[in-house]
Structures are given as C-alpha cells and as structure tokens.
Amino acid sequence: MKDNYWKMKPNKSKAIMVAKRQLAEFVCDAVNLEGINFTLPEIQTLLDGITVGGHKLTDQQIAINQANSWRTLFKWVETDDFKITSEQVCKLHHIAGKEESLDWGKFRSGGVIISGTDYIPPNSILLPDLFSKMVDELSKMSDIYDQAIHLFLTMARCQFFYDVNKRMGRFVMNGLLLNSGYPAINLSAKRQLEFNNLMLDFYKTGDQKAMNIFMRSCMDNRIVKIMKE
C-alpha cells in the first residue's frame, strides 16, 4: 500500500522510532482531548513511573492506559502481530478502556448516544457485521492514509464500545500506518474545537471527505521530511 499524497516510502523501523519518541505527546494530547488537563512534563513524569500531584487517580489511570495501549501497539507492530480483527481490537480496548469504559474489552451490548448530535449509532447486534464491512472496504482504497482514516472515522461513528471509541479508532488507524511503514497521525489538543465541529458534521452525514482533509493536516511536516530522507 502506498502514500499517494506525501509520496513517502514505507520504512517500518523509522516510523516506529519516530512514534516512540512522540509517545508522551500522543498521550498528552489524547487525554487533553478528553478534558483531562495534564501538561507534557506531567505526562513524561507519569511515563517514568512517578505519580503526579494535583490530579485525580482516575485521570492518571486514563493516561497510563493510553501509554500502555501505545506500548502494546508498538510490540504488535514490531513482532508482525498487528491485525485488524475484532479479537485484537477488543484486546487493545481491554487495555485502553480499563476501569473507564463499561464492559471494557468487548463490543457494547446495548445502545449509546453521542453528545451534541441527533445521530444514533447502530444497534449493537449489527456491530460484528459492520466491523467486517469496515475492513472489507479497505480493499477499495489505494492510499494508505485513506485506509487508515477510514478506520478511525468508521470506528468513531459506529461506536463499537460503550466508551473510548475515538481513541480506539486512532489506535487502529495508527496501527495500520505503523505496520505498513508510515508515520502515525497525532491529533493535537490545540485543534480540539475544529475537530469537534467537523466530527459533529461527520456523525450526521457519514461523509468522510472533510475529516480526511483535517486528519491529513494534523501530520507534522517535520516527520514527513524525516521519512523522505
């Protein structure tokens, strides 16, 4: 699979190396997007195994879950064990949603709503088939970033889990990218308002075009330059 936009050549070792160096940034932005106000130095301290004062233990657990999920993803990619299957996605959710999501580690068995929109996610009975359809649709796309962003957006809109859906979508998106030798996309918390507005439109229409453009704009041009060296 190729990158037809930036014209980067796949290099799994380099892509993983860059992502590992971004780990604290990935975690910091992810938790801030959830309204948990950690600074980057605080996240770096947590990743070193030292608790940080002034934060709820539940918030620290969410940050640690995020870091552990990334580490698991790195391991799977490095050992060629990454797969886009419902079983593996549920294993990752068991880490990412620990003590935060209802029934973490398994697809939801009931209904959910998404704040700010009238859109209703699909009935839980349909989720296994929707997951298979999501994966099957990848074969229709020739660009690796179109494939990856499709995974993120579909997982967010289907709401396969009771919680931690957007974060899980980004994990699967970036797992595919890293496994294919391309750099991960980090969604900066500084762009939260723009992201939220676009996602509300996407939930309503299901049209991925605007969100695809937005997610590509989140790619750090410095990383593209490193990958093209």
Protein backbone atom coordinates (compact mmCIF):
# COMPACT_ATOMS: atom_id res chain seq x y z
CA MET A 1 0.00 0.00 0.00
CA LYS A 2 1.32 3.44 -0.96
CA ASP A 3 1.18 7.01 0.31
CA ASN A 4 -0.05 8.88 -2.76
CA TYR A 5 -0.20 12.28 -1.03
CA TRP A 6 3.18 12.97 0.55
CA LYS A 7 4.96 10.30 -1.53
CA MET A 8 6.73 8.83 1.49
CA LYS A 9 8.33 5.44 1.05
CA PRO A 10 7.44 2.85 3.71
CA ASN A 11 10.02 2.32 6.42
CA LYS A 12 8.63 0.47 9.42
CA SER A 13 11.72 0.83 11.62
CA LYS A 14 11.90 4.58 11.09
CA ALA A 15 8.14 5.06 11.52
CA ILE A 16 8.18 3.18 14.84
CA MET A 17 11.29 5.04 16.02
CA VAL A 18 9.61 8.38 15.39
CA ALA A 19 6.34 7.27 17.05
CA LYS A 20 8.14 6.05 20.18
CA ARG A 21 9.75 9.45 20.54
CA GLN A 22 6.28 11.01 20.31
CA LEU A 23 4.75 8.76 22.98
CA ALA A 24 4.41 11.43 25.67
CA GLU A 25 2.95 13.84 23.12
CA PHE A 26 0.45 11.22 21.89
CA VAL A 27 -0.71 10.54 25.45
CA CYS A 28 -0.83 14.20 26.48
CA ASP A 29 -2.93 15.26 23.51
CA ALA A 30 -5.26 12.27 23.83
CA VAL A 31 -6.10 12.88 27.48
CA ASN A 32 -6.44 16.64 26.97
CA LEU A 33 -8.94 15.96 24.19
CA GLU A 34 -10.94 14.10 26.86
CA GLY A 35 -10.90 17.15 29.14
CA ILE A 36 -8.11 15.86 31.39
CA ASN A 37 -5.62 18.68 31.81
CA PHE A 38 -2.17 17.17 32.05
CA THR A 39 0.87 19.08 30.84
CA LEU A 40 3.50 17.39 28.70
CA PRO A 41 6.09 17.37 31.55
CA GLU A 42 3.49 15.76 33.84
CA ILE A 43 2.81 13.04 31.28
CA GLN A 44 6.55 12.47 30.85
CA THR A 45 6.80 12.06 34.64
CA LEU A 46 3.91 9.57 34.68
CA LEU A 47 5.53 7.57 31.88
CA ASP A 48 8.64 7.35 34.05
CA GLY A 49 6.52 5.61 36.70
CA ILE A 50 6.19 8.56 39.08
CA THR A 51 2.76 9.81 40.17
CA VAL A 52 1.91 13.47 39.72
CA GLY A 53 0.26 15.53 42.45
CA GLY A 54 -2.89 17.56 41.91
CA HIS A 55 -4.65 15.07 39.63
CA LYS A 56 -7.35 12.52 40.31
CA LEU A 57 -6.23 8.91 40.38
CA THR A 58 -8.84 8.09 37.75
CA ASP A 59 -7.33 10.68 35.40
CA GLN A 60 -3.86 9.26 35.95
CA GLN A 61 -5.23 5.78 35.20
CA ILE A 62 -6.63 7.00 31.87
CA ALA A 63 -3.24 8.46 30.94
CA ILE A 64 -1.45 5.26 31.93
CA ASN A 65 -3.98 3.20 29.95
CA GLN A 66 -3.24 5.34 26.92
CA ALA A 67 0.51 4.81 27.28
CA ASN A 68 0.14 1.07 27.82
CA SER A 69 -2.05 0.81 24.74
CA TRP A 70 0.61 2.53 22.64
CA ARG A 71 3.30 0.22 24.03
CA THR A 72 1.17 -2.81 23.19
CA LEU A 73 0.62 -1.46 19.68
CA PHE A 74 4.36 -0.92 19.22
CA LYS A 75 5.03 -4.51 20.33
CA TRP A 76 2.46 -5.96 17.94
CA VAL A 77 3.85 -3.96 15.02
CA GLU A 78 7.47 -4.83 15.80
CA THR A 79 6.70 -8.55 16.04
CA ASP A 80 4.42 -8.55 12.96
CA ASP A 81 1.46 -9.46 15.17
CA PHE A 82 -0.73 -6.44 14.38
CA LYS A 83 -4.05 -7.42 12.80
CA ILE A 84 -7.29 -5.56 12.22
CA THR A 85 -9.62 -8.12 13.75
CA SER A 86 -12.40 -7.71 16.28
CA GLU A 87 -10.47 -10.01 18.64
CA GLN A 88 -7.32 -7.92 18.59
CA VAL A 89 -9.19 -4.62 18.75
CA CYS A 90 -11.03 -5.90 21.84
CA LYS A 91 -7.71 -6.91 23.41
CA LEU A 92 -6.45 -3.37 22.90
CA HIS A 93 -9.67 -1.89 24.28
CA HIS A 94 -9.20 -4.06 27.38
CA ILE A 95 -6.05 -2.00 28.00
CA ALA A 96 -7.26 1.39 26.75
CA GLY A 97 -10.65 1.27 28.49
CA LYS A 98 -9.58 -0.35 31.76
CA GLU A 99 -11.69 0.94 34.67
CA GLU A 100 -13.09 3.69 32.43
CA SER A 101 -15.43 2.05 29.95
CA LEU A 102 -18.40 -0.17 30.74
CA ASP A 103 -17.54 -3.76 29.70
CA TRP A 104 -14.04 -2.87 28.59
CA GLY A 105 -12.53 -5.38 26.21
CA LYS A 106 -15.73 -6.29 24.38
CA PHE A 107 -18.15 -4.73 21.92
CA ARG A 108 -21.07 -2.95 23.54
CA SER A 109 -24.24 -4.96 24.04
CA GLY A 110 -26.64 -2.01 24.23
CA GLY A 111 -27.38 1.42 22.83
CA VAL A 112 -25.33 4.61 23.17
CA ILE A 113 -25.70 8.25 22.23
CA ILE A 114 -23.15 10.82 21.09
CA SER A 115 -23.28 14.20 22.80
CA GLY A 116 -24.10 17.16 20.57
CA THR A 117 -25.74 15.28 17.71
CA ASP A 118 -29.06 13.62 16.93
CA TYR A 119 -27.24 10.83 15.10
CA ILE A 120 -27.87 7.43 16.71
CA PRO A 121 -25.08 4.82 16.42
CA PRO A 122 -26.13 1.43 15.02
CA ASN A 123 -27.82 -1.29 17.04
CA SER A 124 -25.30 -3.43 18.91
CA ILE A 125 -26.50 -6.55 17.07
CA LEU A 126 -25.08 -5.11 13.85
CA LEU A 127 -21.59 -4.38 15.17
CA PRO A 128 -19.78 -7.60 14.14
CA ASP A 129 -21.01 -7.27 10.55
CA LEU A 130 -20.20 -3.56 10.50
CA PHE A 131 -16.67 -4.29 11.67
CA SER A 132 -16.21 -6.85 8.87
CA LYS A 133 -17.62 -4.39 6.33
CA MET A 134 -15.24 -1.68 7.57
CA VAL A 135 -12.25 -3.97 6.98
CA ASP A 136 -13.53 -5.19 3.60
CA GLU A 137 -13.88 -1.61 2.36
CA LEU A 138 -10.13 -1.06 2.74
CA SER A 139 -9.53 -3.04 -0.44
CA LYS A 140 -11.34 -0.35 -2.41
CA MET A 141 -8.80 2.32 -1.38
CA SER A 142 -5.39 2.69 -2.98
CA ASP A 143 -3.92 5.17 -0.49
CA ILE A 144 -2.72 4.00 2.94
CA TYR A 145 -3.85 7.20 4.68
CA ASP A 146 -7.32 6.94 3.15
CA GLN A 147 -7.48 3.43 4.56
CA ALA A 148 -6.23 4.46 8.00
CA ILE A 149 -8.52 7.49 8.34
CA HIS A 150 -11.45 5.37 7.17
CA LEU A 151 -10.80 3.00 10.09
CA PHE A 152 -10.72 5.84 12.60
CA LEU A 153 -13.86 7.52 11.33
CA THR A 154 -15.86 4.32 10.97
CA MET A 155 -14.96 3.18 14.47
CA ALA A 156 -15.92 6.58 15.86
CA ARG A 157 -19.27 6.62 14.05
CA CYS A 158 -20.22 3.00 14.77
CA GLN A 159 -19.25 3.30 18.46
CA PHE A 160 -18.22 -0.35 18.81
CA PHE A 161 -17.66 0.16 22.55
CA TYR A 162 -19.50 1.92 25.33
CA ASP A 163 -16.62 4.39 25.65
CA VAL A 164 -13.09 5.14 24.39
CA ASN A 165 -14.26 4.89 20.77
CA LYS A 166 -12.41 7.81 19.19
CA ARG A 167 -9.20 6.87 20.99
CA MET A 168 -9.58 3.28 19.84
CA GLY A 169 -10.20 4.47 16.29
CA ARG A 170 -6.97 6.44 16.38
CA PHE A 171 -5.08 3.43 17.76
CA VAL A 172 -6.30 1.22 14.92
CA MET A 173 -5.64 3.98 12.38
CA ASN A 174 -2.08 4.41 13.59
CA GLY A 175 -1.52 0.69 13.99
CA LEU A 176 -2.26 0.23 10.29
CA LEU A 177 0.05 3.11 9.38
CA LEU A 178 2.97 1.93 11.50
CA ASN A 179 2.52 -1.68 10.42
CA SER A 180 2.65 -0.52 6.79
CA GLY A 181 5.79 1.53 7.45
CA TYR A 182 4.24 5.01 7.57
CA PRO A 183 4.24 7.60 10.38
CA ALA A 184 1.34 7.93 12.80
CA ILE A 185 -1.02 10.90 12.84
CA ASN A 186 -1.24 12.79 16.13
CA LEU A 187 -4.36 14.84 16.79
CA SER A 188 -3.23 17.91 18.71
CA ALA A 189 -5.44 19.07 21.58
CA LYS A 190 -4.88 22.62 20.30
CA ARG A 191 -7.18 21.76 17.38
CA GLN A 192 -9.98 20.36 19.54
CA LEU A 193 -12.65 22.90 18.55
CA GLU A 194 -12.05 22.36 14.84
CA PHE A 195 -12.01 18.61 15.34
CA ASN A 196 -15.24 18.59 17.35
CA ASN A 197 -17.13 20.72 14.83
CA LEU A 198 -16.05 18.57 11.90
CA MET A 199 -16.85 15.36 13.76
CA LEU A 200 -20.39 16.55 14.52
CA ASP A 201 -20.93 17.14 10.81
CA PHE A 202 -19.44 13.73 10.03
CA TYR A 203 -21.68 11.93 12.53
CA LYS A 204 -24.70 13.49 10.85
CA THR A 205 -23.77 12.82 7.22
CA GLY A 206 -21.27 9.97 7.24
CA ASP A 207 -19.28 11.87 4.58
CA GLN A 208 -15.59 11.38 5.36
CA LYS A 209 -14.12 13.97 2.97
CA ALA A 210 -13.77 16.96 5.32
CA MET A 211 -12.47 14.83 8.18
CA ASN A 212 -9.98 13.12 5.85
CA ILE A 213 -8.58 16.51 4.87
CA PHE A 214 -8.46 17.59 8.51
CA MET A 215 -6.70 14.45 9.72
CA ARG A 216 -4.08 14.76 6.99
CA SER A 217 -3.50 18.36 8.07
CA CYS A 218 -2.55 17.03 11.52
CA MET A 219 0.52 15.32 10.09
CA ASP A 220 3.73 17.01 11.26
CA ASN A 221 5.64 18.14 8.18
CA ARG A 222 8.91 17.61 10.05
CA ILE A 223 8.11 13.91 10.30
CA VAL A 224 7.28 13.75 6.59
CA LYS A 225 10.71 15.26 5.91
CA ILE A 226 12.42 12.67 8.15
CA MET A 227 10.59 9.83 6.42
CA LYS A 228 11.62 11.12 2.99
CA GLU A 229 15.33 11.41 3.85
